[in-house]
Amino acid sequence: MIRSHFLNMAIFSALVAVFFAFLTQNETRDRLRVILILGGSMIVLSLILAYVMYPFPLR
């Protein structure tokens, strides 16, 4: 099954965010807050980093 890089990144971010939310928080509301903040920040920061690196050639 072929997926785009963005979809793979979003799935990975969601899984990591869920893992750390359940690892660190006890209340459902706190877990949801951590999932949204951590998952969203991972995606946004990855896109910013990709935008910054885009002008530099690979070779």
PDB file of N, CA and C in Angstrom:
ATOM      1  N   MET A   1       0.848  -1.168   0.000  1.00  0.00           N
ATOM      2  CA  MET A   1       0.000   0.000   0.000  1.00  0.00           C
ATOM      3  C   MET A   1       0.901   1.242   0.000  1.00  0.00           C
ATOM      4  N   ILE A   2       0.721   2.095  -0.975  1.00  0.00           N
ATOM      5  CA  ILE A   2       1.537   3.293  -1.110  1.00  0.00           C
ATOM      6  C   ILE A   2       0.779   4.473  -0.525  1.00  0.00           C
ATOM      7  N   ARG A   3       1.449   5.208   0.346  1.00  0.00           N
ATOM      8  CA  ARG A   3       0.870   6.413   0.939  1.00  0.00           C
ATOM      9  C   ARG A   3       1.796   7.583   0.665  1.00  0.00           C
ATOM     10  N   SER A   4       1.266   8.758   0.815  1.00  0.00           N
ATOM     11  CA  SER A   4       2.094   9.943   0.649  1.00  0.00           C
ATOM     12  C   SER A   4       2.957  10.140   1.901  1.00  0.00           C
ATOM     13  N   HIS A   5       4.007  10.919   1.751  1.00  0.00           N
ATOM     14  CA  HIS A   5       4.873  11.204   2.890  1.00  0.00           C
ATOM     15  C   HIS A   5       4.111  11.953   3.977  1.00  0.00           C
ATOM     16  N   PHE A   6       3.237  12.865   3.565  1.00  0.00           N
ATOM     17  CA  PHE A   6       2.473  13.631   4.545  1.00  0.00           C
ATOM     18  C   PHE A   6       1.549  12.725   5.358  1.00  0.00           C
ATOM     19  N   LEU A   7       0.892  11.772   4.703  1.00  0.00           N
ATOM     20  CA  LEU A   7       0.006  10.857   5.426  1.00  0.00           C
ATOM     21  C   LEU A   7       0.801   9.985   6.389  1.00  0.00           C
ATOM     22  N   ASN A   8       1.954   9.504   5.964  1.00  0.00           N
ATOM     23  CA  ASN A   8       2.807   8.727   6.873  1.00  0.00           C
ATOM     24  C   ASN A   8       3.225   9.561   8.073  1.00  0.00           C
ATOM     25  N   MET A   9       3.589  10.826   7.848  1.00  0.00           N
ATOM     26  CA  MET A   9       3.986  11.701   8.930  1.00  0.00           C
ATOM     27  C   MET A   9       2.814  11.957   9.885  1.00  0.00           C
ATOM     28  N   ALA A  10       1.623  12.160   9.341  1.00  0.00           N
ATOM     29  CA  ALA A  10       0.450  12.414  10.171  1.00  0.00           C
ATOM     30  C   ALA A  10       0.095  11.187  11.013  1.00  0.00           C
ATOM     31  N   ILE A  11       0.175  10.001  10.433  1.00  0.00           N
ATOM     32  CA  ILE A  11      -0.108   8.770  11.187  1.00  0.00           C
ATOM     33  C   ILE A  11       0.923   8.570  12.286  1.00  0.00           C
ATOM     34  N   PHE A  12       2.196   8.760  11.967  1.00  0.00           N
ATOM     35  CA  PHE A  12       3.248   8.619  12.967  1.00  0.00           C
ATOM     36  C   PHE A  12       3.075   9.636  14.096  1.00  0.00           C
ATOM     37  N   SER A  13       2.775  10.875  13.751  1.00  0.00           N
ATOM     38  CA  SER A  13       2.573  11.919  14.762  1.00  0.00           C
ATOM     39  C   SER A  13       1.400  11.577  15.671  1.00  0.00           C
ATOM     40  N   ALA A  14       0.329  11.085  15.086  1.00  0.00           N
ATOM     41  CA  ALA A  14      -0.846  10.723  15.881  1.00  0.00           C
ATOM     42  C   ALA A  14      -0.538   9.567  16.826  1.00  0.00           C
ATOM     43  N   LEU A  15       0.161   8.555  16.337  1.00  0.00           N
ATOM     44  CA  LEU A  15       0.493   7.411  17.188  1.00  0.00           C
ATOM     45  C   LEU A  15       1.418   7.810  18.334  1.00  0.00           C
ATOM     46  N   VAL A  16       2.414   8.621  18.053  1.00  0.00           N
ATOM     47  CA  VAL A  16       3.340   9.073  19.096  1.00  0.00           C
ATOM     48  C   VAL A  16       2.605   9.942  20.109  1.00  0.00           C
ATOM     49  N   ALA A  17       1.738  10.818  19.632  1.00  0.00           N
ATOM     50  CA  ALA A  17       0.983  11.692  20.532  1.00  0.00           C
ATOM     51  C   ALA A  17       0.055  10.879  21.435  1.00  0.00           C
ATOM     52  N   VAL A  18      -0.618   9.889  20.878  1.00  0.00           N
ATOM     53  CA  VAL A  18      -1.503   9.041  21.687  1.00  0.00           C
ATOM     54  C   VAL A  18      -0.694   8.270  22.722  1.00  0.00           C
ATOM     55  N   PHE A  19       0.443   7.736  22.325  1.00  0.00           N
ATOM     56  CA  PHE A  19       1.289   6.984  23.255  1.00  0.00           C
ATOM     57  C   PHE A  19       1.714   7.849  24.433  1.00  0.00           C
ATOM     58  N   PHE A  20       2.243   9.045  24.142  1.00  0.00           N
ATOM     59  CA  PHE A  20       2.716   9.899  25.221  1.00  0.00           C
ATOM     60  C   PHE A  20       1.568  10.467  26.060  1.00  0.00           C
ATOM     61  N   ALA A  21       0.416  10.669  25.464  1.00  0.00           N
ATOM     62  CA  ALA A  21      -0.736  11.135  26.229  1.00  0.00           C
ATOM     63  C   ALA A  21      -1.170  10.084  27.238  1.00  0.00           C
ATOM     64  N   PHE A  22      -1.236   8.835  26.820  1.00  0.00           N
ATOM     65  CA  PHE A  22      -1.630   7.772  27.742  1.00  0.00           C
ATOM     66  C   PHE A  22      -0.533   7.468  28.745  1.00  0.00           C
ATOM     67  N   LEU A  23       0.702   7.733  28.388  1.00  0.00           N
ATOM     68  CA  LEU A  23       1.815   7.490  29.296  1.00  0.00           C
ATOM     69  C   LEU A  23       1.879   8.537  30.402  1.00  0.00           C
ATOM     70  N   THR A  24       1.536   9.777  30.087  1.00  0.00           N
ATOM     71  CA  THR A  24       1.762  10.863  31.042  1.00  0.00           C
ATOM     72  C   THR A  24       0.514  11.391  31.725  1.00  0.00           C
ATOM     73  N   GLN A  25      -0.673  11.208  31.160  1.00  0.00           N
ATOM     74  CA  GLN A  25      -1.890  11.816  31.710  1.00  0.00           C
ATOM     75  C   GLN A  25      -2.861  10.749  32.200  1.00  0.00           C
ATOM     76  N   ASN A  26      -3.666  11.134  33.193  1.00  0.00           N
ATOM     77  CA  ASN A  26      -4.649  10.201  33.752  1.00  0.00           C
ATOM     78  C   ASN A  26      -6.075  10.537  33.341  1.00  0.00           C
ATOM     79  N   GLU A  27      -6.375  11.801  33.167  1.00  0.00           N
ATOM     80  CA  GLU A  27      -7.729  12.230  32.830  1.00  0.00           C
ATOM     81  C   GLU A  27      -7.930  12.264  31.316  1.00  0.00           C
ATOM     82  N   THR A  28      -9.143  11.944  30.884  1.00  0.00           N
ATOM     83  CA  THR A  28      -9.448  11.902  29.454  1.00  0.00           C
ATOM     84  C   THR A  28      -9.291  13.265  28.803  1.00  0.00           C
ATOM     85  N   ARG A  29      -9.728  14.311  29.487  1.00  0.00           N
ATOM     86  CA  ARG A  29      -9.630  15.661  28.924  1.00  0.00           C
ATOM     87  C   ARG A  29      -8.166  16.080  28.759  1.00  0.00           C
ATOM     88  N   ASP A  30      -7.338  15.744  29.741  1.00  0.00           N
ATOM     89  CA  ASP A  30      -5.910  16.063  29.656  1.00  0.00           C
ATOM     90  C   ASP A  30      -5.226  15.275  28.535  1.00  0.00           C
ATOM     91  N   ARG A  31      -5.627  14.025  28.381  1.00  0.00           N
ATOM     92  CA  ARG A  31      -5.058  13.207  27.297  1.00  0.00           C
ATOM     93  C   ARG A  31      -5.393  13.792  25.931  1.00  0.00           C
ATOM     94  N   LEU A  32      -6.636  14.182  25.751  1.00  0.00           N
ATOM     95  CA  LEU A  32      -7.054  14.759  24.471  1.00  0.00           C
ATOM     96  C   LEU A  32      -6.295  16.053  24.183  1.00  0.00           C
ATOM     97  N   ARG A  33      -6.114  16.869  25.213  1.00  0.00           N
ATOM     98  CA  ARG A  33      -5.371  18.114  25.057  1.00  0.00           C
ATOM     99  C   ARG A  33      -3.932  17.847  24.642  1.00  0.00           C
ATOM    100  N   VAL A  34      -3.285  16.872  25.274  1.00  0.00           N
ATOM    101  CA  VAL A  34      -1.903  16.522  24.937  1.00  0.00           C
ATOM    102  C   VAL A  34      -1.821  15.964  23.522  1.00  0.00           C
ATOM    103  N   ILE A  35      -2.776  15.140  23.136  1.00  0.00           N
ATOM    104  CA  ILE A  35      -2.787  14.577  21.779  1.00  0.00           C
ATOM    105  C   ILE A  35      -2.877  15.682  20.743  1.00  0.00           C
ATOM    106  N   LEU A  36      -3.781  16.625  20.945  1.00  0.00           N
ATOM    107  CA  LEU A  36      -3.948  17.708  19.981  1.00  0.00           C
ATOM    108  C   LEU A  36      -2.727  18.620  19.932  1.00  0.00           C
ATOM    109  N   ILE A  37      -2.196  18.982  21.077  1.00  0.00           N
ATOM    110  CA  ILE A  37      -1.041  19.880  21.111  1.00  0.00           C
ATOM    111  C   ILE A  37       0.203  19.199  20.552  1.00  0.00           C
ATOM    112  N   LEU A  38       0.499  17.993  21.021  1.00  0.00           N
ATOM    113  CA  LEU A  38       1.711  17.297  20.583  1.00  0.00           C
ATOM    114  C   LEU A  38       1.620  16.884  19.113  1.00  0.00           C
ATOM    115  N   GLY A  39       0.506  16.296  18.711  1.00  0.00           N
ATOM    116  CA  GLY A  39       0.352  15.887  17.318  1.00  0.00           C
ATOM    117  C   GLY A  39       0.371  17.061  16.365  1.00  0.00           C
ATOM    118  N   GLY A  40      -0.341  18.109  16.722  1.00  0.00           N
ATOM    119  CA  GLY A  40      -0.360  19.301  15.875  1.00  0.00           C
ATOM    120  C   GLY A  40       0.990  19.977  15.782  1.00  0.00           C
ATOM    121  N   SER A  41       1.692  20.063  16.901  1.00  0.00           N
ATOM    122  CA  SER A  41       3.003  20.718  16.873  1.00  0.00           C
ATOM    123  C   SER A  41       4.016  19.897  16.089  1.00  0.00           C
ATOM    124  N   MET A  42       3.930  18.573  16.154  1.00  0.00           N
ATOM    125  CA  MET A  42       4.855  17.743  15.373  1.00  0.00           C
ATOM    126  C   MET A  42       4.636  17.949  13.876  1.00  0.00           C
ATOM    127  N   ILE A  43       3.392  18.016  13.448  1.00  0.00           N
ATOM    128  CA  ILE A  43       3.090  18.210  12.027  1.00  0.00           C
ATOM    129  C   ILE A  43       3.497  19.606  11.572  1.00  0.00           C
ATOM    130  N   VAL A  44       3.131  20.620  12.348  1.00  0.00           N
ATOM    131  CA  VAL A  44       3.450  21.996  11.961  1.00  0.00           C
ATOM    132  C   VAL A  44       4.957  22.219  11.925  1.00  0.00           C
ATOM    133  N   LEU A  45       5.672  21.752  12.926  1.00  0.00           N
ATOM    134  CA  LEU A  45       7.123  21.940  12.953  1.00  0.00           C
ATOM    135  C   LEU A  45       7.814  21.159  11.835  1.00  0.00           C
ATOM    136  N   SER A  46       7.293  19.998  11.480  1.00  0.00           N
ATOM    137  CA  SER A  46       7.859  19.245  10.363  1.00  0.00           C
ATOM    138  C   SER A  46       7.665  19.975   9.042  1.00  0.00           C
ATOM    139  N   LEU A  47       6.492  20.570   8.860  1.00  0.00           N
ATOM    140  CA  LEU A  47       6.247  21.337   7.638  1.00  0.00           C
ATOM    141  C   LEU A  47       7.114  22.592   7.573  1.00  0.00           C
ATOM    142  N   ILE A  48       7.317  23.249   8.707  1.00  0.00           N
ATOM    143  CA  ILE A  48       8.192  24.422   8.738  1.00  0.00           C
ATOM    144  C   ILE A  48       9.623  24.020   8.405  1.00  0.00           C
ATOM    145  N   LEU A  49      10.089  22.935   8.979  1.00  0.00           N
ATOM    146  CA  LEU A  49      11.439  22.457   8.693  1.00  0.00           C
ATOM    147  C   LEU A  49      11.592  22.071   7.225  1.00  0.00           C
ATOM    148  N   ALA A  50      10.590  21.433   6.655  1.00  0.00           N
ATOM    149  CA  ALA A  50      10.637  21.075   5.237  1.00  0.00           C
ATOM    150  C   ALA A  50      10.669  22.323   4.360  1.00  0.00           C
ATOM    151  N   TYR A  51       9.919  23.346   4.734  1.00  0.00           N
ATOM    152  CA  TYR A  51       9.902  24.592   3.970  1.00  0.00           C
ATOM    153  C   TYR A  51      11.269  25.280   4.039  1.00  0.00           C
ATOM    154  N   VAL A  52      11.900  25.258   5.200  1.00  0.00           N
ATOM    155  CA  VAL A  52      13.224  25.872   5.361  1.00  0.00           C
ATOM    156  C   VAL A  52      14.272  25.112   4.561  1.00  0.00           C
ATOM    157  N   MET A  53      14.179  23.786   4.509  1.00  0.00           N
ATOM    158  CA  MET A  53      15.177  22.966   3.817  1.00  0.00           C
ATOM    159  C   MET A  53      14.945  22.895   2.311  1.00  0.00           C
ATOM    160  N   TYR A  54      13.793  23.278   1.824  1.00  0.00           N
ATOM    161  CA  TYR A  54      13.437  23.123   0.409  1.00  0.00           C
ATOM    162  C   TYR A  54      14.416  23.800  -0.554  1.00  0.00           C
ATOM    163  N   PRO A  55      14.910  25.020  -0.297  1.00  0.00           N
ATOM    164  CA  PRO A  55      15.784  25.685  -1.286  1.00  0.00           C
ATOM    165  C   PRO A  55      17.170  25.039  -1.422  1.00  0.00           C
ATOM    166  N   PHE A  56      17.576  24.237  -0.452  1.00  0.00           N
ATOM    167  CA  PHE A  56      18.911  23.646  -0.497  1.00  0.00           C
ATOM    168  C   PHE A  56      18.895  22.378  -1.355  1.00  0.00           C
ATOM    169  N   PRO A  57      19.822  22.296  -2.310  1.00  0.00           N
ATOM    170  CA  PRO A  57      19.845  21.106  -3.183  1.00  0.00           C
ATOM    171  C   PRO A  57      20.339  19.870  -2.417  1.00  0.00           C
ATOM    172  N   LEU A  58      20.004  18.718  -2.966  1.00  0.00           N
ATOM    173  CA  LEU A  58      20.404  17.461  -2.330  1.00  0.00           C
ATOM    174  C   LEU A  58      21.894  17.203  -2.548  1.00  0.00           C
ATOM    175  N   ARG A  59      22.411  17.618  -3.701  1.00  0.00           N
ATOM    176  CA  ARG A  59      23.838  17.402  -4.001  1.00  0.00           C
ATOM    177  C   ARG A  59      24.589  18.682  -4.043  1.00  0.00           C
TER     178      ARG A  59
END
